[in-house]
């Protein structure tokens, strides 16, 4: 049988347990029509790229399927009819992926990222200009007295 990956996004106002129940019902639909679900993953509540049906977030869930096309069509029909599902997408793949998806692999490493400590731009002054203060930075090297006298003398020569 062909292999498929299906991801659906559920409304953000339902609970994670309701999303798991929805996933189980889709597994039963696929099993009832002659297919099997080889792997399921719940990716959690994530921000959407754009608003969908007035929602900015959604519960993401992945199903790896080993099923005939009729089973996939029936599962998609049930996803269309369910009012809790706001989007779904199913693609055909060459072989099932037994490893955790990239979303699950990145889930643990997300907490290891360094946090910003100062303001929006990461600067120490907390200002919005990103440290552009006209060159009067305390850590910038200052010009020596010899450099300033040479530049003044050269400026005077240009006036003649």
N, C-alpha and C. Protein backbone atom coordinates (compact mmCIF):
# COMPACT_ATOMS: atom_id res chain seq x y z
N UNK A 1 0.84 -1.18 0.00
CA UNK A 1 0.00 0.00 0.00
C UNK A 1 0.89 1.25 0.00
N UNK A 2 0.38 2.37 -0.51
CA UNK A 2 1.17 3.60 -0.51
C UNK A 2 1.24 4.22 0.89
N UNK A 3 2.24 5.05 1.07
CA UNK A 3 2.46 5.72 2.35
C UNK A 3 2.10 7.19 2.24
N UNK A 4 1.53 7.74 3.31
CA UNK A 4 1.12 9.14 3.33
C UNK A 4 1.52 9.75 4.66
N UNK A 5 1.70 11.08 4.62
CA UNK A 5 1.83 11.87 5.84
C UNK A 5 0.72 12.89 5.82
N UNK A 6 0.02 12.99 6.93
CA UNK A 6 -1.09 13.92 7.02
C UNK A 6 -0.91 14.77 8.27
N UNK A 7 -1.03 16.08 8.11
CA UNK A 7 -0.96 17.01 9.23
C UNK A 7 -2.27 17.78 9.26
N UNK A 8 -2.84 17.92 10.44
CA UNK A 8 -4.02 18.78 10.55
C UNK A 8 -3.83 19.76 11.69
N UNK A 9 -4.51 20.90 11.55
CA UNK A 9 -4.45 21.97 12.54
C UNK A 9 -5.85 22.12 13.12
N UNK A 10 -5.94 22.03 14.44
CA UNK A 10 -7.23 22.15 15.13
C UNK A 10 -7.33 23.53 15.79
N UNK A 11 -8.54 23.93 16.09
CA UNK A 11 -8.79 25.23 16.71
C UNK A 11 -8.02 25.36 18.02
N UNK A 12 -7.59 26.58 18.37
CA UNK A 12 -6.81 26.75 19.59
C UNK A 12 -7.62 26.68 20.87
N UNK A 13 -8.93 26.83 20.80
CA UNK A 13 -9.73 26.85 22.03
C UNK A 13 -10.15 25.46 22.51
N UNK A 14 -9.73 24.41 21.82
CA UNK A 14 -10.00 23.07 22.34
C UNK A 14 -8.76 22.60 23.11
N UNK A 15 -8.94 21.59 23.93
CA UNK A 15 -7.83 21.12 24.77
C UNK A 15 -6.98 20.11 24.01
N UNK A 16 -5.80 19.85 24.56
CA UNK A 16 -4.91 18.86 23.96
C UNK A 16 -5.54 17.47 24.01
N UNK A 17 -6.31 17.18 25.04
CA UNK A 17 -6.99 15.89 25.13
C UNK A 17 -8.03 15.73 24.01
N UNK A 18 -8.70 16.81 23.66
CA UNK A 18 -9.67 16.75 22.56
C UNK A 18 -8.96 16.53 21.22
N UNK A 19 -7.76 17.09 21.08
CA UNK A 19 -6.99 16.88 19.86
C UNK A 19 -6.56 15.42 19.77
N UNK A 20 -6.15 14.85 20.90
CA UNK A 20 -5.77 13.43 20.94
C UNK A 20 -6.98 12.55 20.60
N UNK A 21 -8.16 12.91 21.09
CA UNK A 21 -9.38 12.16 20.75
C UNK A 21 -9.70 12.27 19.26
N UNK A 22 -9.48 13.44 18.70
CA UNK A 22 -9.69 13.63 17.26
C UNK A 22 -8.71 12.78 16.46
N UNK A 23 -7.46 12.72 16.92
CA UNK A 23 -6.46 11.88 16.27
C UNK A 23 -6.86 10.40 16.34
N UNK A 24 -7.36 9.98 17.48
CA UNK A 24 -7.81 8.59 17.63
C UNK A 24 -8.98 8.28 16.71
N UNK A 25 -9.89 9.23 16.56
CA UNK A 25 -11.03 8.98 15.67
C UNK A 25 -10.57 8.89 14.22
N UNK A 26 -9.55 9.66 13.83
CA UNK A 26 -9.02 9.56 12.46
C UNK A 26 -8.29 8.22 12.27
N UNK A 27 -7.64 7.74 13.32
CA UNK A 27 -7.00 6.42 13.25
C UNK A 27 -8.05 5.33 13.03
N UNK A 28 -9.19 5.45 13.71
CA UNK A 28 -10.26 4.47 13.54
C UNK A 28 -10.85 4.52 12.13
N UNK A 29 -10.98 5.72 11.58
CA UNK A 29 -11.50 5.85 10.21
C UNK A 29 -10.56 5.17 9.22
N UNK A 30 -9.26 5.39 9.38
CA UNK A 30 -8.28 4.78 8.48
C UNK A 30 -8.27 3.26 8.65
N UNK A 31 -8.33 2.79 9.89
CA UNK A 31 -8.33 1.35 10.14
C UNK A 31 -9.61 0.69 9.61
N UNK A 32 -10.71 1.41 9.70
CA UNK A 32 -11.98 0.86 9.23
C UNK A 32 -12.07 0.73 7.71
N UNK A 33 -11.23 1.46 7.00
CA UNK A 33 -11.26 1.40 5.53
C UNK A 33 -10.07 0.66 4.95
N UNK A 34 -9.38 -0.11 5.80
CA UNK A 34 -8.33 -0.99 5.28
C UNK A 34 -6.91 -0.46 5.38
N UNK A 35 -6.68 0.58 6.12
CA UNK A 35 -5.33 1.11 6.27
C UNK A 35 -4.85 1.03 7.70
N UNK A 36 -3.67 1.56 7.94
CA UNK A 36 -3.15 1.60 9.30
C UNK A 36 -2.36 2.89 9.49
N UNK A 37 -2.34 3.35 10.74
CA UNK A 37 -1.57 4.53 11.11
C UNK A 37 -0.30 4.03 11.78
N UNK A 38 0.84 4.34 11.17
CA UNK A 38 2.11 3.82 11.70
C UNK A 38 2.71 4.70 12.78
N UNK A 39 2.41 6.00 12.75
CA UNK A 39 2.97 6.91 13.76
C UNK A 39 2.07 8.11 13.91
N UNK A 40 1.91 8.58 15.15
CA UNK A 40 1.20 9.83 15.41
C UNK A 40 2.08 10.71 16.28
N UNK A 41 2.01 12.01 16.05
CA UNK A 41 2.74 12.98 16.87
C UNK A 41 1.84 14.18 17.11
N UNK A 42 1.85 14.63 18.34
CA UNK A 42 1.16 15.87 18.69
C UNK A 42 2.23 16.94 18.87
N UNK A 43 2.20 17.96 18.02
CA UNK A 43 3.25 18.98 18.03
C UNK A 43 2.94 20.13 18.97
N UNK A 44 1.72 20.22 19.44
CA UNK A 44 1.38 21.26 20.40
C UNK A 44 0.66 22.44 19.78
N UNK A 45 0.45 23.44 20.61
CA UNK A 45 -0.21 24.67 20.20
C UNK A 45 0.86 25.61 19.64
N UNK A 46 0.76 25.93 18.36
CA UNK A 46 1.77 26.75 17.69
C UNK A 46 1.10 27.92 16.98
N UNK A 47 1.90 28.96 16.77
CA UNK A 47 1.41 30.14 16.07
C UNK A 47 1.28 29.83 14.58
N UNK A 48 0.23 30.35 13.98
CA UNK A 48 0.01 30.20 12.54
C UNK A 48 0.74 31.32 11.80
N UNK A 49 1.07 31.10 10.56
CA UNK A 49 1.74 32.12 9.76
C UNK A 49 0.80 33.29 9.48
N UNK A 50 -0.48 33.03 9.38
CA UNK A 50 -1.48 34.06 9.15
C UNK A 50 -2.78 33.60 9.79
N UNK A 51 -3.71 34.53 9.96
CA UNK A 51 -4.98 34.19 10.59
C UNK A 51 -5.79 33.24 9.72
N UNK A 52 -6.35 32.23 10.36
CA UNK A 52 -7.25 31.30 9.69
C UNK A 52 -8.51 31.22 10.54
N UNK A 53 -9.63 31.60 9.96
CA UNK A 53 -10.91 31.60 10.68
C UNK A 53 -10.80 32.31 12.02
N UNK A 54 -10.19 33.48 12.01
CA UNK A 54 -10.01 34.36 13.18
C UNK A 54 -9.11 33.77 14.25
N UNK A 55 -8.32 32.77 13.91
CA UNK A 55 -7.40 32.15 14.88
C UNK A 55 -5.97 32.49 14.52
N UNK A 56 -5.17 32.78 15.53
CA UNK A 56 -3.75 33.06 15.34
C UNK A 56 -2.88 31.86 15.73
N UNK A 57 -3.47 30.89 16.41
CA UNK A 57 -2.75 29.69 16.84
C UNK A 57 -3.55 28.46 16.49
N UNK A 58 -2.91 27.30 16.58
CA UNK A 58 -3.61 26.05 16.32
C UNK A 58 -2.86 24.86 16.88
N UNK A 59 -3.59 23.80 17.17
CA UNK A 59 -3.00 22.54 17.63
C UNK A 59 -2.60 21.72 16.41
N UNK A 60 -1.32 21.39 16.31
CA UNK A 60 -0.81 20.62 15.17
C UNK A 60 -0.69 19.14 15.54
N UNK A 61 -1.07 18.27 14.61
CA UNK A 61 -0.97 16.84 14.81
C UNK A 61 -0.57 16.17 13.50
N UNK A 62 0.32 15.18 13.58
CA UNK A 62 0.84 14.47 12.41
C UNK A 62 0.40 13.01 12.47
N UNK A 63 0.01 12.46 11.32
CA UNK A 63 -0.31 11.04 11.18
C UNK A 63 0.49 10.48 10.02
N UNK A 64 1.24 9.41 10.24
CA UNK A 64 1.87 8.67 9.15
C UNK A 64 0.97 7.49 8.82
N UNK A 65 0.61 7.36 7.55
CA UNK A 65 -0.38 6.37 7.14
C UNK A 65 0.22 5.35 6.18
N UNK A 66 -0.23 4.12 6.32
CA UNK A 66 0.02 3.06 5.34
C UNK A 66 -1.38 2.61 4.93
N UNK A 67 -1.90 3.24 3.88
CA UNK A 67 -3.31 3.05 3.59
C UNK A 67 -3.58 3.22 2.10
N UNK A 68 -4.67 2.61 1.63
CA UNK A 68 -5.07 2.84 0.23
C UNK A 68 -5.64 4.25 0.07
N UNK A 69 -5.76 4.69 -1.15
CA UNK A 69 -6.26 6.04 -1.44
C UNK A 69 -7.68 6.25 -0.92
N UNK A 70 -8.49 5.21 -0.92
CA UNK A 70 -9.87 5.33 -0.43
C UNK A 70 -9.89 5.67 1.07
N UNK A 71 -8.97 5.08 1.83
CA UNK A 71 -8.90 5.36 3.27
C UNK A 71 -8.49 6.81 3.51
N UNK A 72 -7.55 7.30 2.72
CA UNK A 72 -7.10 8.68 2.86
C UNK A 72 -8.24 9.64 2.49
N UNK A 73 -8.95 9.32 1.43
CA UNK A 73 -10.08 10.16 1.02
C UNK A 73 -11.16 10.21 2.10
N UNK A 74 -11.43 9.08 2.74
CA UNK A 74 -12.43 9.05 3.81
C UNK A 74 -11.95 9.84 5.02
N UNK A 75 -10.67 9.73 5.37
CA UNK A 75 -10.13 10.49 6.49
C UNK A 75 -10.22 11.99 6.20
N UNK A 76 -9.86 12.41 4.98
CA UNK A 76 -9.94 13.83 4.62
C UNK A 76 -11.38 14.33 4.62
N UNK A 77 -12.32 13.47 4.22
CA UNK A 77 -13.73 13.85 4.27
C UNK A 77 -14.17 14.12 5.70
N UNK A 78 -13.73 13.25 6.62
CA UNK A 78 -14.06 13.44 8.03
C UNK A 78 -13.38 14.68 8.61
N UNK A 79 -12.17 14.97 8.17
CA UNK A 79 -11.49 16.19 8.63
C UNK A 79 -12.23 17.44 8.13
N UNK A 80 -12.73 17.39 6.90
CA UNK A 80 -13.49 18.52 6.35
C UNK A 80 -14.78 18.76 7.12
N UNK A 81 -15.42 17.69 7.55
CA UNK A 81 -16.70 17.80 8.26
C UNK A 81 -16.55 18.22 9.72
N UNK A 82 -15.38 17.97 10.30
CA UNK A 82 -15.17 18.27 11.71
C UNK A 82 -14.97 19.77 11.89
N UNK A 83 -15.78 20.38 12.75
CA UNK A 83 -15.70 21.83 12.95
C UNK A 83 -14.47 22.26 13.75
N UNK A 84 -13.81 21.34 14.41
CA UNK A 84 -12.60 21.69 15.18
C UNK A 84 -11.35 21.77 14.30
N UNK A 85 -11.38 21.22 13.11
CA UNK A 85 -10.22 21.23 12.21
C UNK A 85 -10.31 22.47 11.33
N UNK A 86 -9.23 23.28 11.35
CA UNK A 86 -9.24 24.48 10.51
C UNK A 86 -8.43 24.30 9.23
N UNK A 87 -7.44 23.41 9.22
CA UNK A 87 -6.68 23.09 8.01
C UNK A 87 -6.14 21.67 8.11
N UNK A 88 -5.93 21.06 6.94
CA UNK A 88 -5.28 19.76 6.88
C UNK A 88 -4.55 19.65 5.57
N UNK A 89 -3.55 18.78 5.54
CA UNK A 89 -2.82 18.53 4.30
C UNK A 89 -2.26 17.11 4.35
N UNK A 90 -2.44 16.38 3.27
CA UNK A 90 -1.94 15.02 3.16
C UNK A 90 -1.07 14.92 1.92
N UNK A 91 0.11 14.34 2.09
CA UNK A 91 1.01 14.14 0.96
C UNK A 91 1.42 12.68 0.90
N UNK A 92 1.73 12.22 -0.30
CA UNK A 92 2.21 10.85 -0.49
C UNK A 92 3.73 10.86 -0.38
N UNK A 93 4.27 9.89 0.35
CA UNK A 93 5.72 9.77 0.53
C UNK A 93 6.18 8.41 0.02
N UNK A 94 7.46 8.31 -0.30
CA UNK A 94 8.01 7.06 -0.82
C UNK A 94 8.12 5.98 0.26
N UNK A 95 8.58 6.37 1.44
CA UNK A 95 8.76 5.40 2.52
C UNK A 95 8.37 6.07 3.84
N UNK A 96 7.86 5.30 4.79
CA UNK A 96 7.50 5.90 6.08
C UNK A 96 8.75 6.29 6.85
N UNK A 97 8.67 7.39 7.56
CA UNK A 97 9.77 7.87 8.38
C UNK A 97 9.55 7.39 9.81
N UNK A 98 10.41 6.49 10.26
CA UNK A 98 10.26 5.91 11.60
C UNK A 98 10.84 6.79 12.69
N UNK A 99 11.73 7.71 12.33
CA UNK A 99 12.34 8.60 13.31
C UNK A 99 11.36 9.69 13.70
N UNK A 100 11.60 10.35 14.82
CA UNK A 100 10.75 11.50 15.16
C UNK A 100 10.89 12.60 14.11
N UNK A 101 9.83 13.33 13.88
CA UNK A 101 9.85 14.40 12.89
C UNK A 101 10.74 15.53 13.37
N UNK A 102 11.05 16.45 12.49
CA UNK A 102 11.91 17.58 12.83
C UNK A 102 11.27 18.44 13.92
N UNK A 103 9.95 18.50 13.95
CA UNK A 103 9.26 19.27 14.98
C UNK A 103 9.49 18.66 16.37
N UNK A 104 9.48 17.34 16.44
CA UNK A 104 9.69 16.69 17.73
C UNK A 104 11.17 16.73 18.15
N UNK A 105 12.08 16.66 17.18
CA UNK A 105 13.50 16.75 17.51
C UNK A 105 13.86 18.13 18.01
N UNK A 106 13.26 19.17 17.47
CA UNK A 106 13.56 20.53 17.89
C UNK A 106 12.83 20.93 19.16
N UNK A 107 11.86 20.15 19.58
CA UNK A 107 11.07 20.51 20.75
C UNK A 107 11.92 20.58 22.01
N UNK A 108 12.84 19.64 22.19
CA UNK A 108 13.68 19.63 23.38
C UNK A 108 14.77 20.69 23.35
N UNK A 109 15.31 21.00 22.18
CA UNK A 109 16.41 21.95 22.09
C UNK A 109 15.92 23.40 22.16
N UNK A 110 14.65 23.62 22.10
CA UNK A 110 14.12 24.99 22.13
C UNK A 110 14.43 25.69 23.45
N UNK A 111 14.46 24.95 24.54
CA UNK A 111 14.72 25.56 25.84
C UNK A 111 16.20 25.87 26.04
N UNK A 112 17.07 25.33 25.19
CA UNK A 112 18.50 25.53 25.35
C UNK A 112 19.00 26.82 24.70
N UNK A 113 18.12 27.55 24.02
CA UNK A 113 18.55 28.77 23.34
C UNK A 113 18.89 29.85 24.36
N UNK A 114 19.89 30.68 24.05
CA UNK A 114 20.19 31.80 24.96
C UNK A 114 19.08 32.83 24.91
N UNK A 115 18.81 33.42 26.03
CA UNK A 115 17.75 34.42 26.13
C UNK A 115 18.33 35.82 26.01
N UNK A 116 17.55 36.74 25.47
CA UNK A 116 17.96 38.14 25.44
C UNK A 116 17.84 38.71 26.84
N UNK A 117 18.78 39.54 27.18
CA UNK A 117 18.76 40.11 28.53
C UNK A 117 18.40 41.58 28.54
N UNK A 118 18.63 42.28 27.42
CA UNK A 118 18.47 43.73 27.44
C UNK A 118 17.62 44.20 26.28
N UNK A 119 16.44 44.68 26.54
CA UNK A 119 15.63 45.34 25.54
C UNK A 119 15.30 44.50 24.31
N UNK A 120 14.67 45.15 23.35
CA UNK A 120 14.26 44.46 22.14
C UNK A 120 15.43 44.17 21.22
N UNK A 121 16.39 45.09 21.14
CA UNK A 121 17.48 44.95 20.20
C UNK A 121 18.70 44.28 20.79
N UNK A 122 18.66 43.92 22.06
CA UNK A 122 19.79 43.24 22.68
C UNK A 122 20.84 44.20 23.19
N UNK A 123 20.67 45.51 23.01
CA UNK A 123 21.63 46.49 23.48
C UNK A 123 21.52 46.69 24.97
N UNK A 124 22.58 47.21 25.57
CA UNK A 124 22.59 47.39 27.02
C UNK A 124 21.81 48.61 27.48
N UNK A 125 21.65 49.59 26.57
CA UNK A 125 20.97 50.80 26.99
C UNK A 125 19.45 50.66 26.94
N UNK A 126 18.94 49.60 26.28
CA UNK A 126 17.51 49.37 26.21
C UNK A 126 16.80 50.32 25.27
N UNK A 127 17.55 51.14 24.56
CA UNK A 127 16.96 52.09 23.63
C UNK A 127 16.52 51.41 22.35
N UNK A 128 15.77 52.15 21.55
CA UNK A 128 15.25 51.59 20.32
C UNK A 128 16.16 51.82 19.13
N UNK A 129 17.27 52.59 19.34
CA UNK A 129 18.11 52.93 18.20
C UNK A 129 19.21 51.91 17.96
N UNK A 130 19.29 50.87 18.75
CA UNK A 130 20.26 49.80 18.52
C UNK A 130 21.69 50.22 18.79
N UNK A 131 21.89 51.19 19.68
CA UNK A 131 23.24 51.59 20.05
C UNK A 131 23.82 52.66 19.13
N UNK A 132 23.03 53.23 18.25
CA UNK A 132 23.52 54.28 17.36
C UNK A 132 23.35 55.61 18.08
N UNK A 133 24.40 56.04 18.76
CA UNK A 133 24.29 57.27 19.53
C UNK A 133 25.23 58.34 18.99
N UNK A 134 25.49 58.33 17.72
CA UNK A 134 26.28 59.38 17.11
C UNK A 134 27.77 59.21 17.33
N UNK A 135 28.24 58.05 17.68
CA UNK A 135 29.66 57.82 17.84
C UNK A 135 30.18 58.17 19.22
N UNK A 136 29.34 58.47 20.17
CA UNK A 136 29.79 58.82 21.51
C UNK A 136 29.70 57.62 22.44
N UNK A 137 30.14 56.51 21.98
CA UNK A 137 30.07 55.30 22.80
C UNK A 137 31.24 55.27 23.75
N UNK A 138 31.02 54.79 24.92
CA UNK A 138 32.07 54.74 25.94
C UNK A 138 33.13 53.71 25.58
N UNK A 139 32.76 52.63 24.89
CA UNK A 139 33.73 51.60 24.58
C UNK A 139 34.44 51.83 23.25
N UNK A 140 34.12 52.92 22.54
CA UNK A 140 34.79 53.22 21.27
C UNK A 140 36.15 53.83 21.55
N UNK A 141 37.17 53.50 20.75
CA UNK A 141 38.50 54.08 20.99
C UNK A 141 38.47 55.57 20.70
N UNK A 142 39.12 56.32 21.57
CA UNK A 142 39.14 57.77 21.38
C UNK A 142 40.33 58.16 20.51
N UNK A 143 40.19 59.26 19.80
CA UNK A 143 41.27 59.74 18.95
C UNK A 143 42.34 60.37 19.82
N UNK A 144 43.59 60.19 19.44
CA UNK A 144 44.69 60.77 20.22
C UNK A 144 44.82 62.25 19.90
N UNK A 145 45.56 62.95 20.69
CA UNK A 145 45.73 64.38 20.51
C UNK A 145 46.46 64.67 19.20
N UNK A 146 47.40 63.80 18.80
CA UNK A 146 48.14 64.01 17.57
C UNK A 146 47.22 63.92 16.36
N UNK A 147 46.29 62.99 16.37
CA UNK A 147 45.37 62.83 15.25
C UNK A 147 44.48 64.05 15.09
N UNK A 148 44.03 64.62 16.20
CA UNK A 148 43.13 65.76 16.12
C UNK A 148 43.86 67.00 15.63
N UNK A 149 45.12 67.19 16.00
CA UNK A 149 45.85 68.37 15.54
C UNK A 149 46.19 68.25 14.06
N UNK A 150 46.48 67.03 13.57
CA UNK A 150 46.76 66.85 12.15
C UNK A 150 45.53 67.11 11.30
N UNK A 151 44.38 66.67 11.74
CA UNK A 151 43.18 66.87 10.95
C UNK A 151 42.81 68.35 10.91
N UNK A 152 43.09 69.10 11.99
CA UNK A 152 42.82 70.53 12.01
C UNK A 152 43.76 71.28 11.08
N UNK A 153 45.03 70.88 11.07
CA UNK A 153 46.01 71.53 10.21
C UNK A 153 45.68 71.27 8.74
N UNK A 154 45.24 70.05 8.43
CA UNK A 154 44.90 69.74 7.04
C UNK A 154 43.65 70.52 6.61
N UNK A 155 42.73 70.73 7.51
CA UNK A 155 41.53 71.49 7.19
C UNK A 155 41.87 72.94 6.91
N UNK A 156 42.88 73.50 7.66
CA UNK A 156 43.28 74.88 7.45
C UNK A 156 43.94 75.05 6.10
N UNK A 157 44.71 74.03 5.64
CA UNK A 157 45.37 74.11 4.34
C UNK A 157 44.35 74.16 3.21
N UNK A 158 43.24 73.46 3.36
CA UNK A 158 42.24 73.42 2.32
C UNK A 158 41.51 74.74 2.16
N UNK A 159 41.51 75.60 3.20
CA UNK A 159 40.81 76.87 3.12
C UNK A 159 41.55 77.89 2.30
N UNK A 160 42.88 77.77 2.13
CA UNK A 160 43.67 78.76 1.39
C UNK A 160 43.40 78.74 -0.04
